[in-house]
């Protein structure tokens, strides 16, 4: 089953213990239902689309629950690797995080050179609105020869390294 979020709205200032968001959940390319969280540590809230019968909504939510049961267990910093059954809340939460990380990294790569070394992830850039150019990338490479420059990687590889190194 293909699960996607569209029309994601995120409120960073209201996100305290969890992400404050609302989005439309799509299953296999079709709008299924709404998902949201108020950002105060509570559970996600799922609601039917406008003019959607409650039985259709319940059926789609059950389809998502059953899909989650087929997924490998999820590793958590609290319970170790492969310790938690995937639920719709974990799956949707990961999709929210993926979307936010992707957006943040794309924005950062336009204006900064991001590089990783044994001490963590760092960034540098020009003052003002000047975008990254090859001269800046070359300078960072020269000054940090043992670092990995995220700007020089395929985006998927840069995203994986970024996720593993930022707080």
Foldseek 3Di string as FASTA:
>chain_A
DDKAWPPKDWDPVQADPATFIKTFIDDPRHTQWIWGDRRPPDFIDTGHDPPDDPVSNVVVQVVQQVVQQPDQACADPVQGHRDHRGGPRNVVSVNVVVVVLLVVVVVCQFAWWWKADPVFIDIDGDPDDDTDDVVVVVVCCVVCVRIDTLNPDDVVVSSVRNVVGDD
